[in-house]
N, C-alpha and C. Protein backbone atom coordinates (compact mmCIF):
# COMPACT_ATOMS: atom_id res chain seq x y z
N MET A 1 17.77 -9.15 -1.37
CA MET A 1 17.95 -7.88 -1.89
C MET A 1 17.13 -8.06 -3.34
N ARG A 2 15.93 -7.17 -3.18
CA ARG A 2 15.20 -7.61 -4.20
C ARG A 2 15.70 -6.81 -5.61
N GLU A 3 16.61 -5.85 -5.72
CA GLU A 3 16.78 -5.50 -6.98
C GLU A 3 17.98 -6.45 -7.70
N LEU A 4 18.72 -7.12 -6.86
CA LEU A 4 19.37 -8.21 -7.43
C LEU A 4 18.49 -9.36 -8.01
N ASP A 5 17.42 -9.58 -7.36
CA ASP A 5 16.50 -10.65 -8.04
C ASP A 5 15.80 -10.24 -9.14
N VAL A 6 15.65 -8.89 -9.43
CA VAL A 6 15.07 -8.44 -10.59
C VAL A 6 16.01 -8.79 -11.77
N LEU A 7 17.13 -8.03 -11.37
CA LEU A 7 18.24 -8.28 -12.49
C LEU A 7 18.38 -9.56 -13.15
N LEU A 8 18.54 -10.48 -11.78
CA LEU A 8 18.90 -11.92 -12.30
C LEU A 8 17.95 -12.51 -12.95
N THR A 9 16.43 -12.30 -12.39
CA THR A 9 15.30 -13.17 -13.22
C THR A 9 15.11 -12.48 -14.64
N ASN A 10 15.44 -11.25 -14.86
CA ASN A 10 15.23 -10.74 -16.09
C ASN A 10 16.28 -11.36 -17.13
N TYR A 11 17.43 -11.41 -16.35
CA TYR A 11 18.80 -12.14 -17.29
C TYR A 11 18.17 -13.55 -17.50
N LEU A 12 17.89 -14.28 -16.69
CA LEU A 12 17.44 -15.76 -16.62
C LEU A 12 16.26 -15.82 -17.66
N GLU A 13 15.39 -15.04 -17.72
CA GLU A 13 14.14 -15.29 -18.61
C GLU A 13 14.48 -14.79 -20.07
N ASN A 14 15.27 -13.71 -20.26
CA ASN A 14 15.54 -13.17 -21.48
C ASN A 14 16.88 -13.60 -22.05
N GLN A 15 17.94 -14.16 -21.39
CA GLN A 15 19.08 -14.36 -22.05
C GLN A 15 19.68 -15.55 -21.96
N TYR A 16 19.45 -16.27 -20.60
CA TYR A 16 19.90 -17.46 -20.39
C TYR A 16 19.69 -18.62 -21.36
N PRO A 17 18.23 -18.61 -21.97
CA PRO A 17 18.04 -19.83 -23.00
C PRO A 17 19.09 -19.85 -24.15
N SER A 18 19.40 -18.66 -24.45
CA SER A 18 20.34 -18.69 -25.61
C SER A 18 21.79 -18.85 -25.52
N LEU A 19 22.03 -18.95 -24.12
CA LEU A 19 23.50 -19.15 -23.79
C LEU A 19 24.16 -20.67 -24.28
N ASP A 20 25.57 -20.70 -24.47
CA ASP A 20 26.00 -22.13 -24.77
C ASP A 20 26.05 -22.60 -23.28
N GLU A 21 26.75 -23.76 -23.12
CA GLU A 21 26.97 -24.45 -21.85
C GLU A 21 27.98 -23.63 -21.07
N VAL A 22 28.91 -23.09 -21.77
CA VAL A 22 30.03 -22.33 -20.88
C VAL A 22 29.29 -21.01 -20.35
N GLY A 23 28.38 -20.34 -20.93
CA GLY A 23 27.69 -19.34 -20.37
C GLY A 23 26.81 -19.55 -19.31
N LYS A 24 25.99 -20.62 -19.49
CA LYS A 24 25.14 -21.15 -18.43
C LYS A 24 25.97 -21.54 -17.40
N GLY A 25 26.98 -22.28 -17.40
CA GLY A 25 27.97 -22.46 -16.33
C GLY A 25 28.36 -21.24 -15.44
N ALA A 26 28.79 -20.25 -16.19
CA ALA A 26 29.22 -19.12 -15.74
C ALA A 26 28.14 -18.40 -14.96
N PHE A 27 27.05 -18.49 -15.60
CA PHE A 27 25.74 -17.90 -14.74
C PHE A 27 25.43 -18.58 -13.60
N ARG A 28 25.47 -19.84 -13.40
CA ARG A 28 25.53 -20.73 -12.37
C ARG A 28 26.46 -20.24 -11.23
N ARG A 29 27.70 -19.87 -11.65
CA ARG A 29 28.69 -19.56 -10.86
C ARG A 29 28.34 -18.04 -10.19
N VAL A 30 27.77 -17.26 -11.07
CA VAL A 30 27.53 -16.07 -10.45
C VAL A 30 26.31 -16.08 -9.42
N LEU A 31 25.33 -17.01 -9.66
CA LEU A 31 24.28 -17.16 -8.64
C LEU A 31 24.86 -17.72 -7.33
N ALA A 32 26.11 -18.47 -7.28
CA ALA A 32 26.67 -18.94 -5.94
C ALA A 32 27.29 -17.75 -5.35
N LEU A 33 27.85 -16.58 -5.91
CA LEU A 33 28.38 -15.66 -5.27
C LEU A 33 27.51 -15.23 -3.87
N SER A 34 28.26 -14.61 -3.07
CA SER A 34 27.46 -14.06 -1.89
C SER A 34 26.94 -12.64 -2.65
N ASP A 35 25.81 -12.19 -1.71
CA ASP A 35 25.02 -11.16 -1.99
C ASP A 35 25.78 -9.55 -2.18
N PRO A 36 26.64 -9.48 -1.01
CA PRO A 36 27.57 -8.38 -1.27
C PRO A 36 28.42 -8.41 -2.29
N ASP A 37 29.21 -9.47 -2.82
CA ASP A 37 30.04 -9.45 -4.03
C ASP A 37 29.19 -9.13 -5.19
N LEU A 38 28.03 -9.86 -5.48
CA LEU A 38 27.25 -9.76 -6.52
C LEU A 38 26.87 -8.40 -6.56
N MET A 39 26.35 -7.70 -5.42
CA MET A 39 25.88 -6.29 -5.70
C MET A 39 27.22 -5.47 -6.12
N ASN A 40 28.22 -5.44 -5.52
CA ASN A 40 29.41 -4.93 -5.76
C ASN A 40 29.66 -4.99 -7.55
N TYR A 41 29.64 -6.21 -7.95
CA TYR A 41 29.80 -6.33 -9.25
C TYR A 41 28.72 -5.75 -10.33
N LEU A 42 27.53 -6.09 -9.91
CA LEU A 42 26.34 -5.34 -10.69
C LEU A 42 26.39 -3.83 -10.74
N LEU A 43 26.78 -3.16 -9.34
CA LEU A 43 26.99 -1.87 -9.46
C LEU A 43 28.04 -1.33 -9.92
N GLY A 44 29.08 -2.09 -10.52
CA GLY A 44 30.24 -1.73 -10.97
C GLY A 44 31.24 -1.08 -10.20
N ARG A 45 31.07 -1.48 -8.79
CA ARG A 45 32.03 -1.02 -7.88
C ARG A 45 33.34 -1.88 -7.76
N GLU A 46 32.91 -3.05 -8.47
CA GLU A 46 34.33 -4.10 -8.47
C GLU A 46 34.16 -4.86 -9.74
N THR A 47 35.16 -5.46 -10.26
CA THR A 47 35.15 -6.30 -11.30
C THR A 47 35.60 -7.64 -11.20
N PRO A 48 34.85 -8.71 -11.42
CA PRO A 48 35.31 -9.88 -11.07
C PRO A 48 36.54 -10.44 -11.75
N ALA A 49 37.41 -11.09 -11.06
CA ALA A 49 38.75 -11.48 -11.66
C ALA A 49 38.42 -12.65 -12.66
N ASP A 50 37.58 -13.40 -12.50
CA ASP A 50 37.00 -14.58 -13.40
C ASP A 50 36.64 -14.02 -14.63
N GLN A 51 37.05 -14.00 -16.03
CA GLN A 51 36.70 -13.39 -17.25
C GLN A 51 35.07 -13.87 -17.42
N GLU A 52 34.78 -15.16 -17.31
CA GLU A 52 33.69 -15.69 -17.58
C GLU A 52 32.33 -14.91 -16.74
N ILE A 53 32.80 -14.83 -15.42
CA ILE A 53 31.84 -14.33 -14.71
C ILE A 53 31.69 -12.73 -14.80
N ALA A 54 33.04 -12.10 -15.45
CA ALA A 54 32.68 -10.89 -15.73
C ALA A 54 31.91 -10.58 -16.84
N CYS A 55 32.01 -11.43 -17.82
CA CYS A 55 31.22 -11.38 -19.10
C CYS A 55 29.64 -11.17 -18.64
N VAL A 56 29.47 -12.38 -17.82
CA VAL A 56 27.95 -12.44 -17.39
C VAL A 56 27.43 -11.19 -16.63
N VAL A 57 28.17 -10.69 -15.91
CA VAL A 57 28.12 -9.74 -15.28
C VAL A 57 27.81 -8.44 -16.08
N THR A 58 28.47 -8.23 -17.02
CA THR A 58 28.47 -7.26 -17.78
C THR A 58 27.25 -7.28 -18.57
N ARG A 59 26.75 -8.43 -19.02
CA ARG A 59 25.60 -8.60 -19.84
C ARG A 59 24.44 -8.54 -18.92
N ILE A 60 24.37 -8.95 -17.73
CA ILE A 60 23.29 -8.45 -16.71
C ILE A 60 23.09 -7.09 -16.35
N ARG A 61 24.32 -6.24 -16.50
CA ARG A 61 24.11 -4.97 -16.29
C ARG A 61 23.43 -4.27 -17.54
N GLY A 62 23.32 -5.09 -18.65
CA GLY A 62 22.92 -4.55 -19.90
C GLY A 62 23.68 -3.95 -20.93
N LYS A 63 24.99 -4.35 -20.81
CA LYS A 63 26.09 -3.74 -21.82
C LYS A 63 26.71 -4.96 -22.51
N THR A 64 27.19 -4.67 -23.59
CA THR A 64 27.80 -5.43 -24.32
C THR A 64 29.18 -5.75 -24.00
N PRO A 65 29.73 -7.05 -23.72
CA PRO A 65 31.08 -7.20 -23.38
C PRO A 65 31.99 -7.03 -24.46
N THR A 66 33.23 -6.56 -23.97
CA THR A 66 34.29 -6.34 -25.00
C THR A 66 35.12 -7.20 -25.16
């Protein structure tokens, strides 16, 4: 899924380097998600139950987590 690759690559290049170890670990867990789950999260169809993953997804979507 090319769209997911673009979003994830942009996040990896622009935000990942400034994350702390917790944030980096959460991003690695996001990468381990299945493509259908990841797409549902990134399109806002579903919200991850895990708060750390939800925070990463929100940032990938270009929003500031609350």
